[in-house]
Amino acid sequence: GINLLDLLSSSNITSSKSEARRTIANKGLKINNVVISDDKKILQPKDFRDKSLKISIGKKKHFLIKVT
């Protein structure tokens, strides 16, 4: 699996890991429309539905990550 904080910062969804931690602490991060509360989450292949993963930050930022 891949660490959630590493994915968010390396793909420029958040500017840094600390920003990602603050977003998670404020319940502003959703993966597949489920609020994430653990900043140490490791993304597993089962988290990807139909080889894609939807990440939402706040109400207006939405990202779709596809695995090939």
C-alpha atoms as a PDB file:
ATOM      1  CA  GLY A   1       0.000   0.000   0.000  1.00  0.00           C
ATOM      2  CA  ILE A   2       0.856   3.665  -0.066  1.00  0.00           C
ATOM      3  CA  ASN A   3       0.721   6.130   2.791  1.00  0.00           C
ATOM      4  CA  LEU A   4      -2.154   8.606   2.369  1.00  0.00           C
ATOM      5  CA  LEU A   5      -0.028  11.618   3.364  1.00  0.00           C
ATOM      6  CA  ASP A   6       2.655  10.660   0.829  1.00  0.00           C
ATOM      7  CA  LEU A   7       0.040  10.364  -1.926  1.00  0.00           C
ATOM      8  CA  LEU A   8      -1.559  13.728  -1.118  1.00  0.00           C
ATOM      9  CA  SER A   9       1.724  15.649  -1.014  1.00  0.00           C
ATOM     10  CA  SER A  10       3.499  13.927  -3.916  1.00  0.00           C
ATOM     11  CA  SER A  11       0.588  14.364  -6.315  1.00  0.00           C
ATOM     12  CA  ASN A  12       0.185  18.050  -5.330  1.00  0.00           C
ATOM     13  CA  ILE A  13      -3.335  17.567  -3.969  1.00  0.00           C
ATOM     14  CA  THR A  14      -2.065  19.314  -0.838  1.00  0.00           C
ATOM     15  CA  SER A  15       1.010  21.507  -0.713  1.00  0.00           C
ATOM     16  CA  SER A  16       2.565  19.581   2.187  1.00  0.00           C
ATOM     17  CA  LYS A  17       2.061  16.693   4.562  1.00  0.00           C
ATOM     18  CA  SER A  18       1.276  19.102   7.406  1.00  0.00           C
ATOM     19  CA  GLU A  19      -1.523  20.673   5.365  1.00  0.00           C
ATOM     20  CA  ALA A  20      -2.886  17.177   4.726  1.00  0.00           C
ATOM     21  CA  ARG A  21      -2.752  16.413   8.471  1.00  0.00           C
ATOM     22  CA  ARG A  22      -4.658  19.629   9.285  1.00  0.00           C
ATOM     23  CA  THR A  23      -7.286  18.816   6.661  1.00  0.00           C
ATOM     24  CA  ILE A  24      -7.765  15.324   8.106  1.00  0.00           C
ATOM     25  CA  ALA A  25      -7.916  16.682  11.685  1.00  0.00           C
ATOM     26  CA  ASN A  26     -10.666  19.117  10.627  1.00  0.00           C
ATOM     27  CA  LYS A  27     -12.616  16.292   8.922  1.00  0.00           C
ATOM     28  CA  GLY A  28     -12.190  17.916   5.520  1.00  0.00           C
ATOM     29  CA  LEU A  29     -10.901  14.879   3.602  1.00  0.00           C
ATOM     30  CA  LYS A  30     -13.088  12.207   2.035  1.00  0.00           C
ATOM     31  CA  ILE A  31     -12.075   9.118   0.095  1.00  0.00           C
ATOM     32  CA  ASN A  32     -14.887   7.617  -1.970  1.00  0.00           C
ATOM     33  CA  ASN A  33     -17.335   9.874  -0.051  1.00  0.00           C
ATOM     34  CA  VAL A  34     -16.220   8.535   3.362  1.00  0.00           C
ATOM     35  CA  VAL A  35     -14.697  10.980   5.870  1.00  0.00           C
ATOM     36  CA  ILE A  36     -11.141  10.010   6.825  1.00  0.00           C
ATOM     37  CA  SER A  37     -10.061  10.611  10.421  1.00  0.00           C
ATOM     38  CA  ASP A  38      -6.767   8.656  10.534  1.00  0.00           C
ATOM     39  CA  ASP A  39      -3.732  10.487   9.129  1.00  0.00           C
ATOM     40  CA  LYS A  40      -1.687   7.264   9.255  1.00  0.00           C
ATOM     41  CA  LYS A  41      -4.003   5.482   6.800  1.00  0.00           C
ATOM     42  CA  ILE A  42      -2.356   3.197   4.271  1.00  0.00           C
ATOM     43  CA  LEU A  43      -4.257   2.932   0.993  1.00  0.00           C
ATOM     44  CA  GLN A  44      -4.769  -0.673  -0.053  1.00  0.00           C
ATOM     45  CA  PRO A  45      -5.905  -2.063  -3.430  1.00  0.00           C
ATOM     46  CA  LYS A  46      -9.370  -2.699  -1.918  1.00  0.00           C
ATOM     47  CA  ASP A  47      -9.806   1.097  -1.484  1.00  0.00           C
ATOM     48  CA  PHE A  48      -9.806   1.504  -5.270  1.00  0.00           C
ATOM     49  CA  ARG A  49     -13.203   0.939  -6.879  1.00  0.00           C
ATOM     50  CA  ASP A  50     -13.013  -0.015 -10.553  1.00  0.00           C
ATOM     51  CA  LYS A  51      -9.307   0.972 -10.498  1.00  0.00           C
ATOM     52  CA  SER A  52     -10.114   4.542  -9.405  1.00  0.00           C
ATOM     53  CA  LEU A  53     -10.120   6.489  -6.155  1.00  0.00           C
ATOM     54  CA  LYS A  54     -12.061   9.704  -5.524  1.00  0.00           C
ATOM     55  CA  ILE A  55     -10.451  12.175  -3.119  1.00  0.00           C
ATOM     56  CA  SER A  56     -12.429  15.219  -1.952  1.00  0.00           C
ATOM     57  CA  ILE A  57     -10.973  18.082   0.055  1.00  0.00           C
ATOM     58  CA  GLY A  58     -13.576  20.477   1.372  1.00  0.00           C
ATOM     59  CA  LYS A  59     -16.602  21.121  -0.789  1.00  0.00           C
ATOM     60  CA  LYS A  60     -14.941  22.253  -4.001  1.00  0.00           C
ATOM     61  CA  LYS A  61     -11.747  20.250  -4.595  1.00  0.00           C
ATOM     62  CA  HIS A  62     -12.275  16.800  -6.086  1.00  0.00           C
ATOM     63  CA  PHE A  63      -9.635  14.488  -7.557  1.00  0.00           C
ATOM     64  CA  LEU A  64      -9.934  11.159  -9.326  1.00  0.00           C
ATOM     65  CA  ILE A  65      -6.883   8.908  -9.180  1.00  0.00           C
ATOM     66  CA  LYS A  66      -6.813   6.011 -11.617  1.00  0.00           C
ATOM     67  CA  VAL A  67      -4.585   2.944 -11.453  1.00  0.00           C
ATOM     68  CA  THR A  68      -3.567   1.308 -14.707  1.00  0.00           C
END
